[in-house]
């Protein structure tokens, strides 16, 4: 990335939750935000759009070669770790209504960075209690 260590970014997030019962939920967000490189990771910061139903929530995505962490702060608080090492990582989804623990198992993680663009593809399994769902997400960031 030759745009420097920080600046503005256009961010596109596409996600798909697939329940084992076949129910599919699609999410698509395009927004403006900021990026910053710190040590061995790239951080993407943005405010969740109002129509995304997360209230006043800010999101930070930490991207490194082997791990992507999605951290949300505000009305919704959660850190989800997607690591391409085959291990299970537990997250806690915190809201005003209560907390929900769930496990994340990453099946595939692909990070591609170019001079003016970052692309992340995640394929994972999310599980809690007796429920599990497939989770696919793509993150496309254009450095402005």
C-alpha atoms as a PDB file:
ATOM      1  CA  UNK A   1       0.000   0.000   0.000  1.00  0.00           C
ATOM      2  CA  UNK A   2       1.674   3.211  -1.133  1.00  0.00           C
ATOM      3  CA  UNK A   3      -0.927   5.703   0.090  1.00  0.00           C
ATOM      4  CA  UNK A   4       0.891   6.078   3.395  1.00  0.00           C
ATOM      5  CA  UNK A   5       0.192   4.653   6.796  1.00  0.00           C
ATOM      6  CA  UNK A   6      -3.271   6.182   7.250  1.00  0.00           C
ATOM      7  CA  UNK A   7      -6.064   7.908   5.380  1.00  0.00           C
ATOM      8  CA  UNK A   8      -9.641   7.729   4.118  1.00  0.00           C
ATOM      9  CA  UNK A   9     -11.182   4.554   2.743  1.00  0.00           C
ATOM     10  CA  UNK A  10     -14.330   3.371   1.008  1.00  0.00           C
ATOM     11  CA  UNK A  11     -15.463   0.156   2.684  1.00  0.00           C
ATOM     12  CA  UNK A  12     -17.790  -2.525   1.300  1.00  0.00           C
ATOM     13  CA  UNK A  13     -18.903  -5.362   3.547  1.00  0.00           C
ATOM     14  CA  UNK A  14     -20.951  -8.285   2.294  1.00  0.00           C
ATOM     15  CA  UNK A  15     -21.951 -11.074   4.667  1.00  0.00           C
ATOM     16  CA  UNK A  16     -24.079 -14.168   4.513  1.00  0.00           C
ATOM     17  CA  UNK A  17     -25.325 -16.261   7.436  1.00  0.00           C
ATOM     18  CA  UNK A  18     -26.592 -19.696   6.450  1.00  0.00           C
ATOM     19  CA  UNK A  19     -28.447 -21.637   9.156  1.00  0.00           C
ATOM     20  CA  UNK A  20     -28.366 -25.428   8.951  1.00  0.00           C
ATOM     21  CA  UNK A  21     -32.122 -25.279   8.475  1.00  0.00           C
ATOM     22  CA  UNK A  22     -31.446 -23.483   5.182  1.00  0.00           C
ATOM     23  CA  UNK A  23     -32.437 -19.961   6.254  1.00  0.00           C
ATOM     24  CA  UNK A  24     -30.117 -17.364   4.653  1.00  0.00           C
ATOM     25  CA  UNK A  25     -29.545 -13.797   5.822  1.00  0.00           C
ATOM     26  CA  UNK A  26     -27.686 -11.374   3.540  1.00  0.00           C
ATOM     27  CA  UNK A  27     -26.036  -8.178   4.743  1.00  0.00           C
ATOM     28  CA  UNK A  28     -24.500  -5.491   2.511  1.00  0.00           C
ATOM     29  CA  UNK A  29     -22.941  -2.241   3.689  1.00  0.00           C
ATOM     30  CA  UNK A  30     -21.011   0.425   1.796  1.00  0.00           C
ATOM     31  CA  UNK A  31     -19.617   3.276   3.876  1.00  0.00           C
ATOM     32  CA  UNK A  32     -16.700   5.631   4.312  1.00  0.00           C
ATOM     33  CA  UNK A  33     -14.116   5.163   7.013  1.00  0.00           C
ATOM     34  CA  UNK A  34     -10.428   5.367   7.798  1.00  0.00           C
ATOM     35  CA  UNK A  35      -7.471   3.021   7.652  1.00  0.00           C
ATOM     36  CA  UNK A  36      -4.227   2.984   9.612  1.00  0.00           C
ATOM     37  CA  UNK A  37      -1.231   0.677   9.515  1.00  0.00           C
ATOM     38  CA  UNK A  38       0.240  -0.190  12.913  1.00  0.00           C
ATOM     39  CA  UNK A  39       3.108  -2.657  13.222  1.00  0.00           C
ATOM     40  CA  UNK A  40       2.168  -5.834  11.360  1.00  0.00           C
ATOM     41  CA  UNK A  41      -1.553  -5.092  10.896  1.00  0.00           C
ATOM     42  CA  UNK A  42      -3.906  -2.829   9.001  1.00  0.00           C
ATOM     43  CA  UNK A  43      -6.834  -1.316  10.937  1.00  0.00           C
ATOM     44  CA  UNK A  44     -10.075  -0.305   9.218  1.00  0.00           C
ATOM     45  CA  UNK A  45     -12.417   1.982  11.228  1.00  0.00           C
ATOM     46  CA  UNK A  46     -16.021   2.894  10.388  1.00  0.00           C
ATOM     47  CA  UNK A  47     -19.374   3.730  11.979  1.00  0.00           C
ATOM     48  CA  UNK A  48     -22.132   1.192  11.389  1.00  0.00           C
ATOM     49  CA  UNK A  49     -24.895   2.730   9.228  1.00  0.00           C
ATOM     50  CA  UNK A  50     -28.130   3.562  11.069  1.00  0.00           C
ATOM     51  CA  UNK A  51     -30.168   1.125   8.953  1.00  0.00           C
ATOM     52  CA  UNK A  52     -27.887  -1.744  10.026  1.00  0.00           C
ATOM     53  CA  UNK A  53     -29.813  -1.988  13.341  1.00  0.00           C
ATOM     54  CA  UNK A  54     -26.744  -1.952  15.629  1.00  0.00           C
ATOM     55  CA  UNK A  55     -27.549   1.411  17.201  1.00  0.00           C
ATOM     56  CA  UNK A  56     -24.598   3.702  17.869  1.00  0.00           C
ATOM     57  CA  UNK A  57     -21.813   1.249  17.054  1.00  0.00           C
ATOM     58  CA  UNK A  58     -18.294   1.790  15.735  1.00  0.00           C
ATOM     59  CA  UNK A  59     -16.428  -1.047  14.058  1.00  0.00           C
ATOM     60  CA  UNK A  60     -12.706  -1.684  13.831  1.00  0.00           C
ATOM     61  CA  UNK A  61     -11.387  -4.474  11.639  1.00  0.00           C
ATOM     62  CA  UNK A  62      -7.810  -5.596  12.331  1.00  0.00           C
ATOM     63  CA  UNK A  63      -6.286  -7.404   9.346  1.00  0.00           C
ATOM     64  CA  UNK A  64      -3.029  -9.329   9.368  1.00  0.00           C
ATOM     65  CA  UNK A  65      -1.817 -12.152   7.144  1.00  0.00           C
ATOM     66  CA  UNK A  66      -3.183 -14.983   9.326  1.00  0.00           C
ATOM     67  CA  UNK A  67      -5.968 -13.290  11.324  1.00  0.00           C
ATOM     68  CA  UNK A  68      -8.893 -10.907  10.961  1.00  0.00           C
ATOM     69  CA  UNK A  69     -10.581  -9.493  14.072  1.00  0.00           C
ATOM     70  CA  UNK A  70     -13.853  -7.585  13.943  1.00  0.00           C
ATOM     71  CA  UNK A  71     -14.324  -5.390  17.013  1.00  0.00           C
ATOM     72  CA  UNK A  72     -17.545  -3.492  17.627  1.00  0.00           C
ATOM     73  CA  UNK A  73     -17.903  -0.801  20.311  1.00  0.00           C
ATOM     74  CA  UNK A  74     -20.952   1.155  21.446  1.00  0.00           C
ATOM     75  CA  UNK A  75     -24.531  -0.122  21.776  1.00  0.00           C
ATOM     76  CA  UNK A  76     -23.218  -3.502  20.575  1.00  0.00           C
ATOM     77  CA  UNK A  77     -19.870  -4.837  21.819  1.00  0.00           C
ATOM     78  CA  UNK A  78     -18.179  -7.906  20.390  1.00  0.00           C
ATOM     79  CA  UNK A  79     -14.809  -9.120  19.154  1.00  0.00           C
ATOM     80  CA  UNK A  80     -14.857 -11.892  16.578  1.00  0.00           C
ATOM     81  CA  UNK A  81     -11.551 -13.566  15.680  1.00  0.00           C
ATOM     82  CA  UNK A  82     -11.128 -15.355  12.381  1.00  0.00           C
ATOM     83  CA  UNK A  83      -7.817 -17.221  12.422  1.00  0.00           C
ATOM     84  CA  UNK A  84      -6.632 -19.644   9.776  1.00  0.00           C
ATOM     85  CA  UNK A  85      -5.208 -22.114  12.314  1.00  0.00           C
ATOM     86  CA  UNK A  86      -8.165 -24.498  12.703  1.00  0.00           C
ATOM     87  CA  UNK A  87      -8.786 -23.590  16.359  1.00  0.00           C
ATOM     88  CA  UNK A  88     -12.129 -22.559  17.883  1.00  0.00           C
ATOM     89  CA  UNK A  89     -12.327 -19.042  19.373  1.00  0.00           C
ATOM     90  CA  UNK A  90     -15.110 -17.940  21.719  1.00  0.00           C
ATOM     91  CA  UNK A  91     -16.697 -14.505  21.409  1.00  0.00           C
ATOM     92  CA  UNK A  92     -19.235 -12.705  23.582  1.00  0.00           C
ATOM     93  CA  UNK A  93     -21.886 -10.547  21.900  1.00  0.00           C
ATOM     94  CA  UNK A  94     -22.843  -7.837  24.435  1.00  0.00           C
ATOM     95  CA  UNK A  95     -26.031  -5.773  24.052  1.00  0.00           C
ATOM     96  CA  UNK A  96     -28.323  -3.842  26.377  1.00  0.00           C
ATOM     97  CA  UNK A  97     -30.663  -6.849  26.292  1.00  0.00           C
ATOM     98  CA  UNK A  98     -27.977  -9.285  27.488  1.00  0.00           C
ATOM     99  CA  UNK A  99     -24.924 -11.307  26.445  1.00  0.00           C
ATOM    100  CA  UNK A 100     -24.539 -14.230  24.065  1.00  0.00           C
ATOM    101  CA  UNK A 101     -21.414 -16.418  23.822  1.00  0.00           C
ATOM    102  CA  UNK A 102     -20.650 -18.175  20.562  1.00  0.00           C
ATOM    103  CA  UNK A 103     -17.775 -20.126  19.024  1.00  0.00           C
ATOM    104  CA  UNK A 104     -16.051 -19.200  15.760  1.00  0.00           C
ATOM    105  CA  UNK A 105     -14.241 -21.769  13.623  1.00  0.00           C
ATOM    106  CA  UNK A 106     -12.574 -20.373  10.501  1.00  0.00           C
ATOM    107  CA  UNK A 107     -12.665 -22.717   7.520  1.00  0.00           C
ATOM    108  CA  UNK A 108     -10.910 -20.391   5.084  1.00  0.00           C
ATOM    109  CA  UNK A 109      -9.335 -16.924   5.284  1.00  0.00           C
ATOM    110  CA  UNK A 110      -7.876 -15.074   2.305  1.00  0.00           C
ATOM    111  CA  UNK A 111      -6.276 -11.619   2.608  1.00  0.00           C
ATOM    112  CA  UNK A 112      -5.084  -9.853  -0.555  1.00  0.00           C
ATOM    113  CA  UNK A 113      -3.552  -6.386  -0.430  1.00  0.00           C
ATOM    114  CA  UNK A 114      -2.629  -4.225  -3.378  1.00  0.00           C
ATOM    115  CA  UNK A 115      -1.317  -0.702  -3.711  1.00  0.00           C
ATOM    116  CA  UNK A 116      -4.756   0.932  -3.428  1.00  0.00           C
ATOM    117  CA  UNK A 117      -7.032  -1.924  -2.349  1.00  0.00           C
ATOM    118  CA  UNK A 118      -7.515  -4.566   0.346  1.00  0.00           C
ATOM    119  CA  UNK A 119      -9.670  -7.650  -0.091  1.00  0.00           C
ATOM    120  CA  UNK A 120     -10.635 -10.090   2.681  1.00  0.00           C
ATOM    121  CA  UNK A 121     -12.685 -13.270   2.263  1.00  0.00           C
ATOM    122  CA  UNK A 122     -13.820 -15.273   5.314  1.00  0.00           C
ATOM    123  CA  UNK A 123     -15.608 -18.624   5.448  1.00  0.00           C
ATOM    124  CA  UNK A 124     -16.430 -19.715   9.008  1.00  0.00           C
ATOM    125  CA  UNK A 125     -18.814 -21.601  11.255  1.00  0.00           C
ATOM    126  CA  UNK A 126     -20.566 -19.791  14.141  1.00  0.00           C
ATOM    127  CA  UNK A 127     -22.033 -21.962  16.900  1.00  0.00           C
ATOM    128  CA  UNK A 128     -23.811 -21.456  20.221  1.00  0.00           C
ATOM    129  CA  UNK A 129     -25.916 -23.836  22.308  1.00  0.00           C
ATOM    130  CA  UNK A 130     -27.576 -26.198  19.804  1.00  0.00           C
ATOM    131  CA  UNK A 131     -27.497 -23.733  16.898  1.00  0.00           C
ATOM    132  CA  UNK A 132     -24.831 -23.281  14.253  1.00  0.00           C
ATOM    133  CA  UNK A 133     -24.623 -21.277  11.060  1.00  0.00           C
ATOM    134  CA  UNK A 134     -22.262 -20.880   8.172  1.00  0.00           C
ATOM    135  CA  UNK A 135     -20.805 -17.401   7.866  1.00  0.00           C
ATOM    136  CA  UNK A 136     -19.219 -15.894   4.768  1.00  0.00           C
ATOM    137  CA  UNK A 137     -17.954 -12.347   4.603  1.00  0.00           C
ATOM    138  CA  UNK A 138     -16.122 -10.263   2.060  1.00  0.00           C
ATOM    139  CA  UNK A 139     -14.494  -6.958   2.929  1.00  0.00           C
ATOM    140  CA  UNK A 140     -13.365  -4.680   0.116  1.00  0.00           C
ATOM    141  CA  UNK A 141     -11.447  -1.524   1.036  1.00  0.00           C
ATOM    142  CA  UNK A 142     -10.367   1.142  -1.442  1.00  0.00           C
ATOM    143  CA  UNK A 143      -7.655   3.428  -0.064  1.00  0.00           C
ATOM    144  CA  UNK A 144      -8.438   7.038  -1.044  1.00  0.00           C
END
